[in-house]
N, C-alpha and C. Protein backbone atom coordinates (compact mmCIF):
# COMPACT_ATOMS: atom_id res chain seq x y z
N MET A 1 121.36 61.06 100.34
CA MET A 1 122.18 61.36 99.14
C MET A 1 122.18 59.86 98.84
N PRO A 2 122.15 59.84 97.36
CA PRO A 2 122.24 58.62 96.41
C PRO A 2 123.48 57.57 97.10
N VAL A 3 123.28 56.37 97.53
CA VAL A 3 124.59 55.38 97.66
C VAL A 3 125.23 55.35 96.24
N ILE A 4 124.65 55.14 95.32
CA ILE A 4 125.01 55.04 93.81
C ILE A 4 124.93 56.11 93.22
N ASN A 5 125.77 56.91 92.47
CA ASN A 5 125.59 57.83 91.39
C ASN A 5 126.50 58.05 90.61
N GLY A 6 125.99 57.82 88.96
CA GLY A 6 126.89 57.54 88.27
C GLY A 6 126.48 58.48 86.73
N THR A 7 126.98 58.69 85.67
CA THR A 7 126.85 59.55 84.66
C THR A 7 126.16 59.18 83.95
N GLY A 8 125.22 58.16 83.57
CA GLY A 8 124.61 57.47 82.72
C GLY A 8 124.11 55.81 82.51
N SER A 9 123.57 55.49 82.16
CA SER A 9 122.84 54.13 82.18
C SER A 9 124.21 53.22 81.95
N GLU A 10 124.98 53.94 80.84
CA GLU A 10 126.03 52.56 80.47
C GLU A 10 127.06 52.78 81.74
N ASP A 11 127.45 53.66 82.47
CA ASP A 11 128.02 53.33 83.69
C ASP A 11 127.42 52.40 84.80
N PHE A 12 126.35 52.17 84.83
CA PHE A 12 125.40 51.78 85.64
C PHE A 12 125.75 50.54 85.67
N PHE A 13 125.81 50.37 84.17
CA PHE A 13 125.67 49.06 83.46
C PHE A 13 126.77 48.19 83.31
N CYS A 14 128.04 49.11 83.69
CA CYS A 14 129.64 48.71 83.59
C CYS A 14 129.54 48.62 81.96
N GLY A 15 129.57 49.53 81.16
CA GLY A 15 129.30 49.47 80.00
C GLY A 15 130.15 51.35 79.53
N SER A 16 131.11 51.44 80.18
CA SER A 16 131.36 52.83 79.87
C SER A 16 131.81 53.27 78.57
N TRP A 17 131.79 54.84 78.10
CA TRP A 17 131.96 55.24 76.75
C TRP A 17 130.99 54.55 76.10
N ASP A 18 129.75 54.06 76.37
CA ASP A 18 128.91 53.66 75.43
C ASP A 18 128.83 52.72 74.90
N PHE A 19 129.46 51.54 75.57
CA PHE A 19 129.34 50.33 75.14
C PHE A 19 130.29 49.90 73.89
N GLY A 20 131.46 51.13 73.82
CA GLY A 20 131.93 51.12 72.40
C GLY A 20 131.72 51.86 71.24
N GLY A 21 130.48 52.39 71.66
CA GLY A 21 130.15 53.36 70.22
C GLY A 21 129.23 53.05 69.20
N ARG A 22 129.34 54.16 68.85
CA ARG A 22 128.25 53.58 67.43
C ARG A 22 129.16 52.59 66.90
N GLU A 23 130.03 52.66 66.36
CA GLU A 23 130.94 51.48 65.16
C GLU A 23 131.46 50.21 65.82
N HIS A 24 131.79 50.57 67.26
CA HIS A 24 132.60 49.36 67.70
C HIS A 24 131.66 48.68 69.10
N ALA A 25 130.41 48.77 69.22
CA ALA A 25 129.83 47.85 70.69
C ALA A 25 129.68 46.58 70.12
N VAL A 26 130.30 46.01 71.50
CA VAL A 26 130.31 44.62 71.26
C VAL A 26 129.69 44.30 72.70
N PRO A 27 128.61 43.07 72.25
CA PRO A 27 127.92 42.21 73.43
C PRO A 27 128.98 41.81 74.80
N PHE A 28 128.68 41.71 75.79
CA PHE A 28 129.06 41.15 76.82
C PHE A 28 128.45 40.70 77.81
N SER A 29 128.99 39.68 78.61
CA SER A 29 128.24 39.13 79.56
C SER A 29 129.10 38.61 80.55
N HIS A 30 129.13 39.04 81.88
CA HIS A 30 129.81 38.58 83.04
C HIS A 30 128.82 38.19 84.12
N HIS A 31 129.40 37.84 85.22
CA HIS A 31 128.62 36.86 86.40
C HIS A 31 127.56 37.99 87.09
N GLN A 32 127.99 39.63 87.49
CA GLN A 32 127.01 40.40 87.80
C GLN A 32 126.44 41.30 87.08
N TYR A 33 127.00 41.54 86.00
CA TYR A 33 126.68 42.60 84.82
C TYR A 33 126.92 42.35 83.39
N GLY A 34 126.50 43.03 82.92
CA GLY A 34 126.56 42.54 81.59
C GLY A 34 125.48 43.30 80.14
N ALA A 35 125.54 42.90 78.80
CA ALA A 35 124.95 43.73 77.66
C ALA A 35 124.78 42.54 76.61
N PRO A 36 124.49 41.76 76.87
CA PRO A 36 124.55 40.84 76.11
C PRO A 36 123.75 41.02 74.66
N LEU A 37 122.94 41.83 75.02
CA LEU A 37 122.30 42.47 73.21
C LEU A 37 122.52 43.62 73.12
N ILE A 38 122.83 43.65 71.90
CA ILE A 38 123.19 45.53 71.38
C ILE A 38 123.26 45.17 69.75
N GLU A 39 121.95 46.12 69.51
CA GLU A 39 121.61 45.94 68.02
C GLU A 39 121.56 47.43 67.64
N SER A 40 121.88 47.70 66.70
CA SER A 40 121.97 48.78 65.91
C SER A 40 122.58 50.21 67.11
N ALA A 41 123.83 50.15 67.41
CA ALA A 41 124.11 51.02 68.44
C ALA A 41 124.06 52.43 68.11
N GLU A 42 123.57 53.06 69.12
CA GLU A 42 123.71 54.51 69.01
C GLU A 42 123.03 54.89 67.83
N ARG A 43 121.92 53.99 67.26
CA ARG A 43 120.85 54.68 66.06
C ARG A 43 119.33 54.48 66.19
N THR A 44 118.44 55.23 65.68
CA THR A 44 117.45 55.10 65.70
C THR A 44 116.90 53.92 65.79
N GLY A 45 115.98 53.37 66.76
CA GLY A 45 115.57 52.15 66.72
C GLY A 45 116.54 51.12 67.58
N GLY A 46 117.14 51.10 67.72
CA GLY A 46 118.69 50.39 68.39
C GLY A 46 118.36 49.67 69.76
N ARG A 47 118.54 48.96 69.91
CA ARG A 47 118.11 47.86 71.35
C ARG A 47 119.07 47.60 72.11
N TYR A 48 119.20 47.63 73.27
CA TYR A 48 120.40 47.37 74.20
C TYR A 48 119.39 46.56 75.44
N CYS A 49 119.96 45.14 75.69
CA CYS A 49 119.47 44.60 77.01
C CYS A 49 120.48 44.62 77.84
N CYS A 50 120.53 45.11 78.82
CA CYS A 50 121.62 45.11 80.10
C CYS A 50 120.98 44.70 81.22
N TYR A 51 121.80 44.24 82.07
CA TYR A 51 121.52 43.50 83.48
C TYR A 51 122.52 44.13 84.56
N ARG A 52 122.45 44.06 85.73
CA ARG A 52 123.18 44.38 86.99
C ARG A 52 122.60 43.94 88.04
N PHE A 53 123.31 43.14 88.66
CA PHE A 53 122.80 42.27 89.88
C PHE A 53 123.97 43.25 90.93
N HIS A 54 123.41 43.44 92.22
CA HIS A 54 124.19 43.85 93.35
C HIS A 54 124.46 42.69 94.11
N GLY A 55 124.89 41.42 94.10
CA GLY A 55 125.00 40.44 94.81
C GLY A 55 126.38 41.10 95.84
N ASP A 56 127.13 41.74 95.21
CA ASP A 56 128.44 41.89 95.18
C ASP A 56 128.66 43.18 95.96
N ASN A 57 128.07 44.04 95.64
CA ASN A 57 127.81 45.15 96.39
C ASN A 57 125.97 45.53 96.54
N PRO A 58 125.59 44.82 97.86
CA PRO A 58 124.30 45.18 97.97
C PRO A 58 123.29 46.57 98.14
N VAL A 59 122.36 47.05 97.54
CA VAL A 59 122.20 48.39 97.98
C VAL A 59 121.30 48.17 99.50
N THR A 60 121.68 48.61 100.41
CA THR A 60 121.01 48.46 101.54
C THR A 60 120.00 49.53 102.13
N PHE A 61 118.88 48.94 102.45
CA PHE A 61 117.80 49.88 102.85
C PHE A 61 117.04 49.27 104.27
N THR A 62 116.25 50.43 105.04
CA THR A 62 115.41 49.51 105.88
C THR A 62 114.07 49.86 105.81
N ARG A 63 113.56 51.10 105.19
CA ARG A 63 112.20 50.96 105.08
C ARG A 63 112.01 51.18 103.63
N TYR A 64 112.63 52.12 102.76
CA TYR A 64 112.45 52.74 101.35
C TYR A 64 113.82 52.73 100.25
N LEU A 65 113.32 52.36 99.56
CA LEU A 65 114.03 52.03 98.27
C LEU A 65 113.39 52.68 97.00
N LYS A 66 114.70 53.42 96.26
CA LYS A 66 113.89 54.06 95.24
C LYS A 66 115.26 54.37 94.13
N HIS A 67 114.76 53.73 93.18
CA HIS A 67 115.67 53.74 92.00
C HIS A 67 115.62 54.64 90.70
N THR A 68 116.04 55.52 90.51
CA THR A 68 115.88 56.25 89.19
C THR A 68 117.04 56.16 88.15
N MET A 69 116.30 56.00 87.05
CA MET A 69 117.43 56.19 85.63
C MET A 69 117.32 57.50 84.76
N GLU A 70 118.44 58.11 84.71
CA GLU A 70 118.48 59.15 83.94
C GLU A 70 117.81 58.86 82.07
N HIS A 71 117.27 59.67 81.39
CA HIS A 71 116.70 59.03 80.38
C HIS A 71 117.59 60.27 79.53
N GLY A 72 118.84 59.83 78.97
CA GLY A 72 119.29 60.98 78.14
C GLY A 72 119.92 62.56 78.61
N HIS A 73 120.37 63.06 77.97
CA HIS A 73 120.81 64.41 78.69
C HIS A 73 119.19 65.11 78.85
N ALA A 74 119.48 65.92 80.01
CA ALA A 74 117.82 66.62 80.39
C ALA A 74 116.60 65.60 80.82
N ASN A 75 116.61 64.13 80.87
CA ASN A 75 115.94 63.67 80.82
C ASN A 75 114.66 63.47 79.67
N ASP A 76 115.10 63.41 78.26
CA ASP A 76 114.24 64.04 77.20
C ASP A 76 114.39 62.59 76.46
N ARG A 77 114.65 61.71 76.66
CA ARG A 77 114.91 60.34 76.00
C ARG A 77 113.05 59.74 75.97
N ALA A 78 112.95 58.55 75.06
CA ALA A 78 111.62 58.06 75.60
C ALA A 78 112.42 56.30 76.00
N ASP A 79 113.18 55.90 76.76
CA ASP A 79 113.43 55.05 76.64
C ASP A 79 112.49 53.96 77.46
N ASN A 80 112.91 52.74 77.45
CA ASN A 80 111.88 52.03 78.27
C ASN A 80 112.89 51.21 79.33
N PHE A 81 112.62 51.37 80.26
CA PHE A 81 113.74 50.47 81.32
C PHE A 81 112.64 49.87 82.19
N TYR A 82 113.31 48.54 82.75
CA TYR A 82 112.28 47.40 83.51
C TYR A 82 113.06 46.87 84.41
N SER A 83 112.71 46.96 85.58
CA SER A 83 113.35 46.09 86.79
C SER A 83 112.59 45.25 87.44
N CYS A 84 113.78 44.70 88.55
CA CYS A 84 113.09 43.23 89.60
C CYS A 84 113.92 43.88 90.49
N ALA A 85 113.17 43.58 91.71
CA ALA A 85 114.34 43.74 92.82
C ALA A 85 113.44 42.43 93.73
N PHE A 86 114.77 42.10 94.64
CA PHE A 86 114.31 41.20 95.70
C PHE A 86 114.89 41.42 96.78
N TRP A 87 114.40 41.36 97.92
CA TRP A 87 114.78 41.64 99.44
C TRP A 87 114.61 40.75 100.36
N TYR A 88 115.71 40.48 101.26
CA TYR A 88 115.45 39.35 102.12
C TYR A 88 115.48 39.94 103.47
N GLN A 89 114.73 39.26 104.39
CA GLN A 89 114.28 39.54 105.79
C GLN A 89 114.87 38.74 107.02
N GLU A 90 114.82 39.63 107.88
CA GLU A 90 115.20 38.51 109.08
C GLU A 90 114.16 37.48 109.80
N GLN A 91 113.33 38.20 110.02
CA GLN A 91 112.30 37.37 110.35
C GLN A 91 111.13 37.64 109.41
N PRO A 92 110.38 36.36 109.44
CA PRO A 92 108.83 36.08 108.98
C PRO A 92 108.25 37.52 109.20
N MET A 93 107.41 37.88 108.10
CA MET A 93 106.39 39.22 108.78
C MET A 93 104.80 39.01 108.14
N THR A 94 104.16 39.30 109.01
CA THR A 94 102.71 38.95 108.27
C THR A 94 101.83 39.68 108.27
N ASN A 95 101.75 41.37 108.71
CA ASN A 95 101.42 42.21 108.56
C ASN A 95 101.50 43.24 107.92
N LEU A 96 102.26 42.54 106.28
CA LEU A 96 102.67 43.82 105.49
C LEU A 96 101.18 44.04 104.75
N PRO A 97 100.92 45.06 104.30
CA PRO A 97 99.85 45.57 103.93
C PRO A 97 100.03 44.80 102.27
N PRO A 98 98.71 44.45 101.59
CA PRO A 98 98.18 43.98 100.68
C PRO A 98 98.74 44.49 99.45
N LEU A 99 99.40 43.87 98.31
CA LEU A 99 99.89 44.82 97.39
C LEU A 99 98.36 45.44 96.73
N PRO A 100 98.97 46.48 95.82
CA PRO A 100 97.75 47.20 95.16
C PRO A 100 97.20 46.31 93.90
N ALA A 101 96.20 46.66 93.53
CA ALA A 101 95.77 46.18 92.21
C ALA A 101 96.84 46.02 91.14
N VAL A 102 96.61 44.91 90.29
CA VAL A 102 97.68 44.98 89.00
C VAL A 102 97.22 46.48 88.20
N LYS A 103 96.22 47.16 88.11
CA LYS A 103 96.15 48.10 87.21
C LYS A 103 96.69 49.14 87.98
N ASP A 104 96.98 49.18 88.99
CA ASP A 104 97.73 50.42 89.78
C ASP A 104 99.28 50.05 89.89
N ARG A 105 99.55 48.76 89.52
CA ARG A 105 100.72 48.72 89.54
C ARG A 105 101.63 48.77 88.31
N LEU A 106 100.62 48.90 86.94
CA LEU A 106 100.94 49.00 86.05
C LEU A 106 101.71 50.00 85.48
N PRO A 107 102.72 50.55 84.65
CA PRO A 107 103.38 51.84 84.62
C PRO A 107 102.26 52.78 83.75
N THR A 108 102.82 53.78 83.91
CA THR A 108 101.38 54.69 82.68
C THR A 108 102.53 55.42 82.41
N VAL A 109 102.02 56.30 81.11
CA VAL A 109 102.50 56.81 80.37
C VAL A 109 102.19 58.18 80.41
N LYS A 110 102.94 59.11 80.60
CA LYS A 110 102.71 60.71 80.87
C LYS A 110 102.88 61.68 79.53
N ALA A 111 101.50 62.05 79.20
CA ALA A 111 102.16 62.79 78.06
C ALA A 111 102.43 64.26 78.46
N GLY A 112 103.45 64.30 77.25
CA GLY A 112 104.55 65.61 78.06
C GLY A 112 103.80 66.92 77.29
């Protein structure tokens, strides 16, 4: 079961009620989360830049971590999401498998 489960990306980024909606969206920045850039909220071509750190509520795992984000109702939006994850180990490891080639790590577009 998910450790964190929300109702939408605005909830994950702590901007409930759609960051203020179409007419009242206001950029905000806090220590662990924020949306410092909101342009043309709730309009075609609108842009949001959001961040969320989990320093105060870490997502723990031992071997596997998967993070997914719903893309609108029924996952029917074509939004772009980018992420960066860091992990900390208790001991150095030397037998990790090599990283895949760059071409195998790049996202691909799936034709619907």
